[in-house]
PDB file of all heavy atoms in Angstrom:
ATOM      1  N   ASP A   1     -35.989   8.110  60.359  1.00  0.00           N
ATOM      2  CA  ASP A   1     -37.326   8.353  59.783  1.00  0.00           C
ATOM      3  C   ASP A   1     -37.499   7.594  58.469  1.00  0.00           C
ATOM      4  O   ASP A   1     -38.525   6.959  58.247  1.00  0.00           O
ATOM      5  CB  ASP A   1     -37.544   9.852  59.529  1.00  0.00           C
ATOM      6  CG  ASP A   1     -37.906  10.622  60.782  1.00  0.00           C
ATOM      7  OD1 ASP A   1     -38.547  10.051  61.686  1.00  0.00           O
ATOM      8  OD2 ASP A   1     -37.549  11.819  60.849  1.00  0.00           O
ATOM      9  N   VAL A   2     -36.495   7.661  57.602  1.00  0.00           N
ATOM     10  CA  VAL A   2     -36.549   6.969  56.315  1.00  0.00           C
ATOM     11  C   VAL A   2     -36.637   5.456  56.526  1.00  0.00           C
ATOM     12  O   VAL A   2     -37.440   4.773  55.881  1.00  0.00           O
ATOM     13  CB  VAL A   2     -35.325   7.331  55.444  1.00  0.00           C
ATOM     14  CG1 VAL A   2     -35.232   6.430  54.215  1.00  0.00           C
ATOM     15  CG2 VAL A   2     -35.378   8.797  55.032  1.00  0.00           C
ATOM     16  N   LEU A   3     -35.827   4.946  57.434  1.00  0.00           N
ATOM     17  CA  LEU A   3     -35.840   3.506  57.708  1.00  0.00           C
ATOM     18  C   LEU A   3     -37.186   3.058  58.261  1.00  0.00           C
ATOM     19  O   LEU A   3     -37.701   2.010  57.871  1.00  0.00           O
ATOM     20  CB  LEU A   3     -34.712   3.144  58.679  1.00  0.00           C
ATOM     21  CG  LEU A   3     -33.302   3.269  58.103  1.00  0.00           C
ATOM     22  CD1 LEU A   3     -32.263   3.170  59.217  1.00  0.00           C
ATOM     23  CD2 LEU A   3     -33.060   2.210  57.044  1.00  0.00           C
ATOM     24  N   LEU A   4     -37.760   3.844  59.149  1.00  0.00           N
ATOM     25  CA  LEU A   4     -39.073   3.508  59.695  1.00  0.00           C
ATOM     26  C   LEU A   4     -40.114   3.431  58.578  1.00  0.00           C
ATOM     27  O   LEU A   4     -40.883   2.471  58.506  1.00  0.00           O
ATOM     28  CB  LEU A   4     -39.490   4.547  60.744  1.00  0.00           C
ATOM     29  CG  LEU A   4     -40.882   4.343  61.350  1.00  0.00           C
ATOM     30  CD1 LEU A   4     -40.925   3.078  62.192  1.00  0.00           C
ATOM     31  CD2 LEU A   4     -41.263   5.563  62.178  1.00  0.00           C
ATOM     32  N   GLN A   5     -40.128   4.404  57.712  1.00  0.00           N
ATOM     33  CA  GLN A   5     -41.108   4.435  56.626  1.00  0.00           C
ATOM     34  C   GLN A   5     -40.913   3.282  55.647  1.00  0.00           C
ATOM     35  O   GLN A   5     -41.857   2.863  54.979  1.00  0.00           O
ATOM     36  CB  GLN A   5     -41.057   5.783  55.884  1.00  0.00           C
ATOM     37  CG  GLN A   5     -41.455   6.958  56.755  1.00  0.00           C
ATOM     38  CD  GLN A   5     -42.763   6.751  57.500  1.00  0.00           C
ATOM     39  OE1 GLN A   5     -43.751   6.276  56.956  1.00  0.00           O
ATOM     40  NE2 GLN A   5     -42.755   7.077  58.795  1.00  0.00           N
ATOM     41  N   ASN A   6     -39.683   2.773  55.576  1.00  0.00           N
ATOM     42  CA  ASN A   6     -39.393   1.650  54.685  1.00  0.00           C
ATOM     43  C   ASN A   6     -39.381   0.303  55.400  1.00  0.00           C
ATOM     44  O   ASN A   6     -38.823  -0.674  54.899  1.00  0.00           O
ATOM     45  CB  ASN A   6     -38.064   1.904  53.963  1.00  0.00           C
ATOM     46  CG  ASN A   6     -38.230   2.940  52.879  1.00  0.00           C
ATOM     47  OD1 ASN A   6     -38.773   2.661  51.814  1.00  0.00           O
ATOM     48  ND2 ASN A   6     -37.804   4.167  53.166  1.00  0.00           N
ATOM     49  N   LYS A   7     -39.996   0.280  56.587  1.00  0.00           N
ATOM     50  CA  LYS A   7     -40.193  -0.942  57.370  1.00  0.00           C
ATOM     51  C   LYS A   7     -38.887  -1.622  57.772  1.00  0.00           C
ATOM     52  O   LYS A   7     -38.829  -2.833  57.935  1.00  0.00           O
ATOM     53  CB  LYS A   7     -41.106  -1.911  56.622  1.00  0.00           C
ATOM     54  CG  LYS A   7     -42.470  -1.308  56.344  1.00  0.00           C
ATOM     55  CD  LYS A   7     -43.354  -2.242  55.568  1.00  0.00           C
ATOM     56  CE  LYS A   7     -44.683  -1.526  55.295  1.00  0.00           C
ATOM     57  NZ  LYS A   7     -45.518  -2.227  54.370  1.00  0.00           N
ATOM     58  N   ARG A   8     -37.863  -0.832  57.963  1.00  0.00           N
ATOM     59  CA  ARG A   8     -36.576  -1.327  58.456  1.00  0.00           C
ATOM     60  C   ARG A   8     -36.501  -0.960  59.938  1.00  0.00           C
ATOM     61  O   ARG A   8     -35.699  -0.147  60.385  1.00  0.00           O
ATOM     62  CB  ARG A   8     -35.415  -0.730  57.658  1.00  0.00           C
ATOM     63  CG  ARG A   8     -35.536  -0.923  56.145  1.00  0.00           C
ATOM     64  CD  ARG A   8     -35.590  -2.359  55.756  1.00  0.00           C
ATOM     65  NE  ARG A   8     -34.271  -2.956  55.901  1.00  0.00           N
ATOM     66  CZ  ARG A   8     -33.988  -4.212  55.644  1.00  0.00           C
ATOM     67  NH1 ARG A   8     -34.925  -5.024  55.232  1.00  0.00           N
ATOM     68  NH2 ARG A   8     -32.778  -4.666  55.807  1.00  0.00           N
ATOM     69  N   TYR A   9     -37.398  -1.563  60.706  1.00  0.00           N
ATOM     70  CA  TYR A   9     -37.639  -1.165  62.092  1.00  0.00           C
ATOM     71  C   TYR A   9     -36.425  -1.304  62.994  1.00  0.00           C
ATOM     72  O   TYR A   9     -36.138  -0.431  63.807  1.00  0.00           O
ATOM     73  CB  TYR A   9     -38.813  -1.955  62.677  1.00  0.00           C
ATOM     74  CG  TYR A   9     -40.063  -1.880  61.839  1.00  0.00           C
ATOM     75  CD1 TYR A   9     -40.776  -3.021  61.528  1.00  0.00           C
ATOM     76  CD2 TYR A   9     -40.525  -0.656  61.346  1.00  0.00           C
ATOM     77  CE1 TYR A   9     -41.930  -2.956  60.756  1.00  0.00           C
ATOM     78  CE2 TYR A   9     -41.667  -0.589  60.569  1.00  0.00           C
ATOM     79  CZ  TYR A   9     -42.365  -1.743  60.281  1.00  0.00           C
ATOM     80  OH  TYR A   9     -43.494  -1.674  59.510  1.00  0.00           O
ATOM     81  N   ILE A  10     -35.723  -2.408  62.864  1.00  0.00           N
ATOM     82  CA  ILE A  10     -34.615  -2.652  63.785  1.00  0.00           C
ATOM     83  C   ILE A  10     -33.524  -1.588  63.628  1.00  0.00           C
ATOM     84  O   ILE A  10     -32.926  -1.151  64.612  1.00  0.00           O
ATOM     85  CB  ILE A  10     -34.071  -4.086  63.633  1.00  0.00           C
ATOM     86  CG1 ILE A  10     -33.214  -4.433  64.837  1.00  0.00           C
ATOM     87  CG2 ILE A  10     -33.332  -4.279  62.331  1.00  0.00           C
ATOM     88  CD1 ILE A  10     -32.954  -5.910  65.004  1.00  0.00           C
ATOM     89  N   TYR A  11     -33.297  -1.142  62.412  1.00  0.00           N
ATOM     90  CA  TYR A  11     -32.258  -0.135  62.211  1.00  0.00           C
ATOM     91  C   TYR A  11     -32.756   1.263  62.543  1.00  0.00           C
ATOM     92  O   TYR A  11     -31.971   2.135  62.922  1.00  0.00           O
ATOM     93  CB  TYR A  11     -31.672  -0.247  60.809  1.00  0.00           C
ATOM     94  CG  TYR A  11     -30.860  -1.515  60.704  1.00  0.00           C
ATOM     95  CD1 TYR A  11     -31.302  -2.593  59.967  1.00  0.00           C
ATOM     96  CD2 TYR A  11     -29.672  -1.646  61.424  1.00  0.00           C
ATOM     97  CE1 TYR A  11     -30.579  -3.778  59.926  1.00  0.00           C
ATOM     98  CE2 TYR A  11     -28.945  -2.825  61.388  1.00  0.00           C
ATOM     99  CZ  TYR A  11     -29.398  -3.881  60.639  1.00  0.00           C
ATOM    100  OH  TYR A  11     -28.682  -5.054  60.613  1.00  0.00           O
ATOM    101  N   SER A  12     -34.039   1.475  62.455  1.00  0.00           N
ATOM    102  CA  SER A  12     -34.609   2.730  62.944  1.00  0.00           C
ATOM    103  C   SER A  12     -34.412   2.817  64.461  1.00  0.00           C
ATOM    104  O   SER A  12     -34.038   3.864  65.002  1.00  0.00           O
ATOM    105  CB  SER A  12     -36.090   2.814  62.585  1.00  0.00           C
ATOM    106  OG  SER A  12     -36.653   4.006  63.084  1.00  0.00           O
ATOM    107  N   VAL A  13     -34.634   1.709  65.146  1.00  0.00           N
ATOM    108  CA  VAL A  13     -34.426   1.657  66.598  1.00  0.00           C
ATOM    109  C   VAL A  13     -32.936   1.812  66.921  1.00  0.00           C
ATOM    110  O   VAL A  13     -32.565   2.549  67.839  1.00  0.00           O
ATOM    111  CB  VAL A  13     -35.000   0.358  67.186  1.00  0.00           C
ATOM    112  CG1 VAL A  13     -34.560   0.161  68.627  1.00  0.00           C
ATOM    113  CG2 VAL A  13     -36.516   0.363  67.077  1.00  0.00           C
ATOM    114  N   PHE A  14     -32.085   1.143  66.170  1.00  0.00           N
ATOM    115  CA  PHE A  14     -30.643   1.267  66.375  1.00  0.00           C
ATOM    116  C   PHE A  14     -30.223   2.735  66.299  1.00  0.00           C
ATOM    117  O   PHE A  14     -29.483   3.223  67.155  1.00  0.00           O
ATOM    118  CB  PHE A  14     -29.907   0.439  65.323  1.00  0.00           C
ATOM    119  CG  PHE A  14     -28.408   0.517  65.402  1.00  0.00           C
ATOM    120  CD1 PHE A  14     -27.711  -0.247  66.323  1.00  0.00           C
ATOM    121  CD2 PHE A  14     -27.699   1.336  64.550  1.00  0.00           C
ATOM    122  CE1 PHE A  14     -26.331  -0.186  66.399  1.00  0.00           C
ATOM    123  CE2 PHE A  14     -26.317   1.410  64.618  1.00  0.00           C
ATOM    124  CZ  PHE A  14     -25.626   0.648  65.535  1.00  0.00           C
ATOM    125  N   LEU A  15     -30.718   3.441  65.310  1.00  0.00           N
ATOM    126  CA  LEU A  15     -30.368   4.854  65.169  1.00  0.00           C
ATOM    127  C   LEU A  15     -31.024   5.712  66.247  1.00  0.00           C
ATOM    128  O   LEU A  15     -30.493   6.766  66.600  1.00  0.00           O
ATOM    129  CB  LEU A  15     -30.710   5.371  63.773  1.00  0.00           C
ATOM    130  CG  LEU A  15     -29.778   4.874  62.678  1.00  0.00           C
ATOM    131  CD1 LEU A  15     -30.222   5.398  61.315  1.00  0.00           C
ATOM    132  CD2 LEU A  15     -28.336   5.265  62.955  1.00  0.00           C
ATOM    133  N   SER A  16     -32.127   5.261  66.792  1.00  0.00           N
ATOM    134  CA  SER A  16     -32.742   5.983  67.908  1.00  0.00           C
ATOM    135  C   SER A  16     -31.795   5.987  69.104  1.00  0.00           C
ATOM    136  O   SER A  16     -31.653   7.002  69.796  1.00  0.00           O
ATOM    137  CB  SER A  16     -34.078   5.343  68.292  1.00  0.00           C
ATOM    138  OG  SER A  16     -35.007   5.460  67.238  1.00  0.00           O
ATOM    139  N   VAL A  17     -31.143   4.861  69.336  1.00  0.00           N
ATOM    140  CA  VAL A  17     -30.148   4.784  70.411  1.00  0.00           C
ATOM    141  C   VAL A  17     -28.958   5.671  70.071  1.00  0.00           C
ATOM    142  O   VAL A  17     -28.468   6.436  70.912  1.00  0.00           O
ATOM    143  CB  VAL A  17     -29.701   3.322  70.644  1.00  0.00           C
ATOM    144  CG1 VAL A  17     -28.624   3.243  71.715  1.00  0.00           C
ATOM    145  CG2 VAL A  17     -30.889   2.433  70.991  1.00  0.00           C
ATOM    146  N   GLN A  18     -28.505   5.599  68.830  1.00  0.00           N
ATOM    147  CA  GLN A  18     -27.366   6.404  68.390  1.00  0.00           C
ATOM    148  C   GLN A  18     -27.637   7.906  68.527  1.00  0.00           C
ATOM    149  O   GLN A  18     -26.745   8.672  68.881  1.00  0.00           O
ATOM    150  CB  GLN A  18     -27.038   6.078  66.922  1.00  0.00           C
ATOM    151  CG  GLN A  18     -26.429   4.725  66.713  1.00  0.00           C
ATOM    152  CD  GLN A  18     -25.019   4.697  67.254  1.00  0.00           C
ATOM    153  OE1 GLN A  18     -24.102   5.240  66.648  1.00  0.00           O
ATOM    154  NE2 GLN A  18     -24.838   4.082  68.401  1.00  0.00           N
ATOM    155  N   MET A  19     -28.856   8.326  68.227  1.00  0.00           N
ATOM    156  CA  MET A  19     -29.215   9.750  68.329  1.00  0.00           C
ATOM    157  C   MET A  19     -28.989  10.255  69.748  1.00  0.00           C
ATOM    158  O   MET A  19     -28.401  11.326  69.943  1.00  0.00           O
ATOM    159  CB  MET A  19     -30.692   9.943  67.967  1.00  0.00           C
ATOM    160  CG  MET A  19     -31.028   9.697  66.528  1.00  0.00           C
ATOM    161  SD  MET A  19     -32.788   9.362  66.184  1.00  0.00           S
ATOM    162  CE  MET A  19     -33.683  10.283  67.393  1.00  0.00           C
ATOM    163  N   ILE A  20     -29.465   9.491  70.714  1.00  0.00           N
ATOM    164  CA  ILE A  20     -29.321   9.914  72.109  1.00  0.00           C
ATOM    165  C   ILE A  20     -27.851   9.908  72.503  1.00  0.00           C
ATOM    166  O   ILE A  20     -27.370  10.829  73.175  1.00  0.00           O
ATOM    167  CB  ILE A  20     -30.172   9.029  73.038  1.00  0.00           C
ATOM    168  CG1 ILE A  20     -31.662   9.217  72.717  1.00  0.00           C
ATOM    169  CG2 ILE A  20     -29.881   9.345  74.506  1.00  0.00           C
ATOM    170  CD1 ILE A  20     -32.590   8.250  73.420  1.00  0.00           C
ATOM    171  N   GLU A  21     -27.124   8.893  72.083  1.00  0.00           N
ATOM    172  CA  GLU A  21     -25.689   8.841  72.377  1.00  0.00           C
ATOM    173  C   GLU A  21     -24.986  10.082  71.830  1.00  0.00           C
ATOM    174  O   GLU A  21     -24.178  10.710  72.520  1.00  0.00           O
ATOM    175  CB  GLU A  21     -25.070   7.583  71.776  1.00  0.00           C
ATOM    176  CG  GLU A  21     -23.579   7.483  72.012  1.00  0.00           C
ATOM    177  CD  GLU A  21     -22.944   6.281  71.332  1.00  0.00           C
ATOM    178  OE1 GLU A  21     -23.632   5.273  71.102  1.00  0.00           O
ATOM    179  OE2 GLU A  21     -21.736   6.365  71.052  1.00  0.00           O
ATOM    180  N   LYS A  22     -25.294  10.460  70.618  1.00  0.00           N
ATOM    181  CA  LYS A  22     -24.634  11.613  70.010  1.00  0.00           C
ATOM    182  C   LYS A  22     -25.052  12.925  70.670  1.00  0.00           C
ATOM    183  O   LYS A  22     -24.241  13.842  70.812  1.00  0.00           O
ATOM    184  CB  LYS A  22     -24.875  11.621  68.508  1.00  0.00           C
ATOM    185  CG  LYS A  22     -24.105  10.486  67.839  1.00  0.00           C
ATOM    186  CD  LYS A  22     -24.434  10.297  66.391  1.00  0.00           C
ATOM    187  CE  LYS A  22     -23.686   9.081  65.853  1.00  0.00           C
ATOM    188  NZ  LYS A  22     -24.108   8.682  64.526  1.00  0.00           N
ATOM    189  N   ALA A  23     -26.285  13.018  71.121  1.00  0.00           N
ATOM    190  CA  ALA A  23     -26.717  14.208  71.862  1.00  0.00           C
ATOM    191  C   ALA A  23     -25.937  14.314  73.174  1.00  0.00           C
ATOM    192  O   ALA A  23     -25.480  15.402  73.555  1.00  0.00           O
ATOM    193  CB  ALA A  23     -28.221  14.160  72.124  1.00  0.00           C
ATOM    194  N   LEU A  24     -25.783  13.186  73.860  1.00  0.00           N
ATOM    195  CA  LEU A  24     -24.999  13.177  75.107  1.00  0.00           C
ATOM    196  C   LEU A  24     -23.544  13.547  74.836  1.00  0.00           C
ATOM    197  O   LEU A  24     -22.935  14.323  75.589  1.00  0.00           O
ATOM    198  CB  LEU A  24     -25.085  11.802  75.772  1.00  0.00           C
ATOM    199  CG  LEU A  24     -26.432  11.450  76.406  1.00  0.00           C
ATOM    200  CD1 LEU A  24     -26.512   9.956  76.703  1.00  0.00           C
ATOM    201  CD2 LEU A  24     -26.676  12.277  77.657  1.00  0.00           C
ATOM    202  N   LYS A  25     -22.991  13.038  73.771  1.00  0.00           N
ATOM    203  CA  LYS A  25     -21.597  13.342  73.447  1.00  0.00           C
ATOM    204  C   LYS A  25     -21.423  14.786  72.983  1.00  0.00           C
ATOM    205  O   LYS A  25     -20.363  15.384  73.174  1.00  0.00           O
ATOM    206  CB  LYS A  25     -21.054  12.326  72.443  1.00  0.00           C
ATOM    207  CG  LYS A  25     -20.883  10.956  73.123  1.00  0.00           C
ATOM    208  CD  LYS A  25     -20.292   9.908  72.237  1.00  0.00           C
ATOM    209  CE  LYS A  25     -20.076   8.627  73.039  1.00  0.00           C
ATOM    210  NZ  LYS A  25     -19.496   7.543  72.244  1.00  0.00           N
ATOM    211  N   ALA A  26     -22.472  15.369  72.416  1.00  0.00           N
ATOM    212  CA  ALA A  26     -22.426  16.801  72.089  1.00  0.00           C
ATOM    213  C   ALA A  26     -22.323  17.624  73.370  1.00  0.00           C
ATOM    214  O   ALA A  26     -21.532  18.579  73.454  1.00  0.00           O
ATOM    215  CB  ALA A  26     -23.663  17.201  71.290  1.00  0.00           C
ATOM    216  N   ILE A  27     -23.112  17.250  74.357  1.00  0.00           N
ATOM    217  CA  ILE A  27     -23.049  17.947  75.650  1.00  0.00           C
ATOM    218  C   ILE A  27     -21.661  17.771  76.257  1.00  0.00           C
ATOM    219  O   ILE A  27     -21.051  18.729  76.748  1.00  0.00           O
ATOM    220  CB  ILE A  27     -24.157  17.440  76.597  1.00  0.00           C
ATOM    221  CG1 ILE A  27     -25.530  17.830  76.056  1.00  0.00           C
ATOM    222  CG2 ILE A  27     -23.946  17.984  78.015  1.00  0.00           C
ATOM    223  CD1 ILE A  27     -26.704  17.162  76.750  1.00  0.00           C
ATOM    224  N   TRP A  28     -21.153  16.541  76.224  1.00  0.00           N
ATOM    225  CA  TRP A  28     -19.809  16.273  76.745  1.00  0.00           C
ATOM    226  C   TRP A  28     -18.796  17.177  76.049  1.00  0.00           C
ATOM    227  O   TRP A  28     -17.953  17.810  76.694  1.00  0.00           O
ATOM    228  CB  TRP A  28     -19.454  14.808  76.514  1.00  0.00           C
ATOM    229  CG  TRP A  28     -18.145  14.420  77.126  1.00  0.00           C
ATOM    230  CD1 TRP A  28     -16.894  14.756  76.693  1.00  0.00           C
ATOM    231  CD2 TRP A  28     -17.965  13.645  78.309  1.00  0.00           C
ATOM    232  NE1 TRP A  28     -15.953  14.220  77.520  1.00  0.00           N
ATOM    233  CE2 TRP A  28     -16.571  13.536  78.526  1.00  0.00           C
ATOM    234  CE3 TRP A  28     -18.837  13.018  79.191  1.00  0.00           C
ATOM    235  CZ2 TRP A  28     -16.038  12.836  79.589  1.00  0.00           C
ATOM    236  CZ3 TRP A  28     -18.302  12.318  80.253  1.00  0.00           C
ATOM    237  CH2 TRP A  28     -16.925  12.226  80.445  1.00  0.00           C
ATOM    238  N   SER A  29     -18.867  17.209  74.743  1.00  0.00           N
ATOM    239  CA  SER A  29     -17.931  17.989  73.950  1.00  0.00           C
ATOM    240  C   SER A  29     -17.990  19.476  74.310  1.00  0.00           C
ATOM    241  O   SER A  29     -16.954  20.142  74.390  1.00  0.00           O
ATOM    242  CB  SER A  29     -18.243  17.795  72.460  1.00  0.00           C
ATOM    243  OG  SER A  29     -17.374  18.564  71.679  1.00  0.00           O
ATOM    244  N   GLU A  30     -19.177  19.968  74.541  1.00  0.00           N
ATOM    245  CA  GLU A  30     -19.345  21.380  74.868  1.00  0.00           C
ATOM    246  C   GLU A  30     -18.837  21.712  76.273  1.00  0.00           C
ATOM    247  O   GLU A  30     -18.280  22.782  76.505  1.00  0.00           O
ATOM    248  CB  GLU A  30     -20.819  21.775  74.739  1.00  0.00           C
ATOM    249  CG  GLU A  30     -21.078  23.251  74.814  1.00  0.00           C
ATOM    250  CD  GLU A  30     -20.473  24.059  73.671  1.00  0.00           C
ATOM    251  OE1 GLU A  30     -20.121  23.508  72.607  1.00  0.00           O
ATOM    252  OE2 GLU A  30     -20.351  25.284  73.851  1.00  0.00           O
ATOM    253  N   GLU A  31     -19.016  20.783  77.193  1.00  0.00           N
ATOM    254  CA  GLU A  31     -18.694  21.054  78.599  1.00  0.00           C
ATOM    255  C   GLU A  31     -17.288  20.656  79.017  1.00  0.00           C
ATOM    256  O   GLU A  31     -16.796  21.128  80.042  1.00  0.00           O
ATOM    257  CB  GLU A  31     -19.688  20.309  79.511  1.00  0.00           C
ATOM    258  CG  GLU A  31     -21.099  20.826  79.409  1.00  0.00           C
ATOM    259  CD  GLU A  31     -22.067  20.080  80.308  1.00  0.00           C
ATOM    260  OE1 GLU A  31     -21.670  19.051  80.925  1.00  0.00           O
ATOM    261  OE2 GLU A  31     -23.227  20.507  80.386  1.00  0.00           O
ATOM    262  N   ARG A  32     -16.661  19.791  78.257  1.00  0.00           N
ATOM    263  CA  ARG A  32     -15.372  19.241  78.685  1.00  0.00           C
ATOM    264  C   ARG A  32     -14.300  19.485  77.636  1.00  0.00           C
ATOM    265  O   ARG A  32     -14.589  19.658  76.459  1.00  0.00           O
ATOM    266  CB  ARG A  32     -15.499  17.732  78.925  1.00  0.00           C
ATOM    267  CG  ARG A  32     -16.744  17.336  79.703  1.00  0.00           C
ATOM    268  CD  ARG A  32     -16.442  16.899  81.079  1.00  0.00           C
ATOM    269  NE  ARG A  32     -17.647  16.802  81.883  1.00  0.00           N
ATOM    270  CZ  ARG A  32     -18.032  15.712  82.507  1.00  0.00           C
ATOM    271  NH1 ARG A  32     -17.340  14.604  82.389  1.00  0.00           N
ATOM    272  NH2 ARG A  32     -19.110  15.725  83.264  1.00  0.00           N
ATOM    273  N   ALA A  33     -13.063  19.447  78.095  1.00  0.00           N
ATOM    274  CA  ALA A  33     -11.933  19.704  77.198  1.00  0.00           C
ATOM    275  C   ALA A  33     -11.506  18.456  76.429  1.00  0.00           C
ATOM    276  O   ALA A  33     -10.934  18.564  75.354  1.00  0.00           O
ATOM    277  CB  ALA A  33     -10.748  20.251  77.997  1.00  0.00           C
ATOM    278  N   HIS A  34     -11.779  17.278  76.972  1.00  0.00           N
ATOM    279  CA  HIS A  34     -11.327  16.049  76.316  1.00  0.00           C
ATOM    280  C   HIS A  34     -12.491  15.348  75.607  1.00  0.00           C
ATOM    281  O   HIS A  34     -13.654  15.612  75.879  1.00  0.00           O
ATOM    282  CB  HIS A  34     -10.636  15.115  77.313  1.00  0.00           C
ATOM    283  CG  HIS A  34     -11.490  14.739  78.487  1.00  0.00           C
ATOM    284  ND1 HIS A  34     -11.771  15.595  79.526  1.00  0.00           N
ATOM    285  CD2 HIS A  34     -12.149  13.594  78.777  1.00  0.00           C
ATOM    286  CE1 HIS A  34     -12.546  14.990  80.405  1.00  0.00           C
ATOM    287  NE2 HIS A  34     -12.800  13.778  79.971  1.00  0.00           N
ATOM    288  N   TYR A  35     -12.109  14.464  74.706  1.00  0.00           N
ATOM    289  CA  TYR A  35     -13.076  13.732  73.878  1.00  0.00           C
ATOM    290  C   TYR A  35     -13.967  12.846  74.749  1.00  0.00           C
ATOM    291  O   TYR A  35     -13.518  12.314  75.761  1.00  0.00           O
ATOM    292  CB  TYR A  35     -12.302  12.870  72.856  1.00  0.00           C
ATOM    293  CG  TYR A  35     -13.104  12.491  71.648  1.00  0.00           C
ATOM    294  CD1 TYR A  35     -13.355  13.417  70.630  1.00  0.00           C
ATOM    295  CD2 TYR A  35     -13.615  11.208  71.510  1.00  0.00           C
ATOM    296  CE1 TYR A  35     -14.091  13.061  69.524  1.00  0.00           C
ATOM    297  CE2 TYR A  35     -14.354  10.844  70.394  1.00  0.00           C
ATOM    298  CZ  TYR A  35     -14.588  11.786  69.399  1.00  0.00           C
ATOM    299  OH  TYR A  35     -15.331  11.436  68.300  1.00  0.00           O
ATOM    300  N   PRO A  36     -15.225  12.661  74.357  1.00  0.00           N
ATOM    301  CA  PRO A  36     -16.123  11.795  75.142  1.00  0.00           C
ATOM    302  C   PRO A  36     -15.600  10.368  75.222  1.00  0.00           C
ATOM    303  O   PRO A  36     -14.888   9.910  74.328  1.00  0.00           O
ATOM    304  CB  PRO A  36     -17.437  11.824  74.358  1.00  0.00           C
ATOM    305  CG  PRO A  36     -17.331  12.936  73.398  1.00  0.00           C
ATOM    306  CD  PRO A  36     -15.880  13.213  73.182  1.00  0.00           C
ATOM    307  N   PRO A  37     -15.968   9.652  76.271  1.00  0.00           N
ATOM    308  CA  PRO A  37     -15.537   8.253  76.376  1.00  0.00           C
ATOM    309  C   PRO A  37     -16.079   7.426  75.221  1.00  0.00           C
ATOM    310  O   PRO A  37     -17.154   7.706  74.696  1.00  0.00           O
ATOM    311  CB  PRO A  37     -16.137   7.782  77.700  1.00  0.00           C
ATOM    312  CG  PRO A  37     -17.045   8.834  78.179  1.00  0.00           C
ATOM    313  CD  PRO A  37     -16.841  10.062  77.357  1.00  0.00           C
ATOM    314  N   ARG A  38     -15.340   6.423  74.853  1.00  0.00           N
ATOM    315  CA  ARG A  38     -15.774   5.524  73.773  1.00  0.00           C
ATOM    316  C   ARG A  38     -16.720   4.479  74.353  1.00  0.00           C
ATOM    317  O   ARG A  38     -16.409   3.294  74.392  1.00  0.00           O
ATOM    318  CB  ARG A  38     -14.567   4.888  73.100  1.00  0.00           C
ATOM    319  CG  ARG A  38     -13.692   5.904  72.418  1.00  0.00           C
ATOM    320  CD  ARG A  38     -12.720   5.269  71.478  1.00  0.00           C
ATOM    321  NE  ARG A  38     -11.812   6.242  70.934  1.00  0.00           N
ATOM    322  CZ  ARG A  38     -12.075   7.004  69.867  1.00  0.00           C
ATOM    323  NH1 ARG A  38     -13.217   6.892  69.245  1.00  0.00           N
ATOM    324  NH2 ARG A  38     -11.187   7.871  69.428  1.00  0.00           N
ATOM    325  N   SER A  39     -17.853   4.971  74.784  1.00  0.00           N
ATOM    326  CA  SER A  39     -18.875   4.115  75.377  1.00  0.00           C
ATOM    327  C   SER A  39     -20.179   4.336  74.639  1.00  0.00           C
ATOM    328  O   SER A  39     -20.469   5.449  74.196  1.00  0.00           O
ATOM    329  CB  SER A  39     -19.057   4.479  76.855  1.00  0.00           C
ATOM    330  OG  SER A  39     -20.146   3.769  77.403  1.00  0.00           O
TER     331      SER A  39
END
């Protein structure tokens, strides 16, 4: 959000991808015994 407001669009988009990745890895972490894949 801060990056978007400061016209740092590419890094706002980069973090948009990261947000979804981390949400998926949170689900992985909750459902599985081992660490999420490094993907």
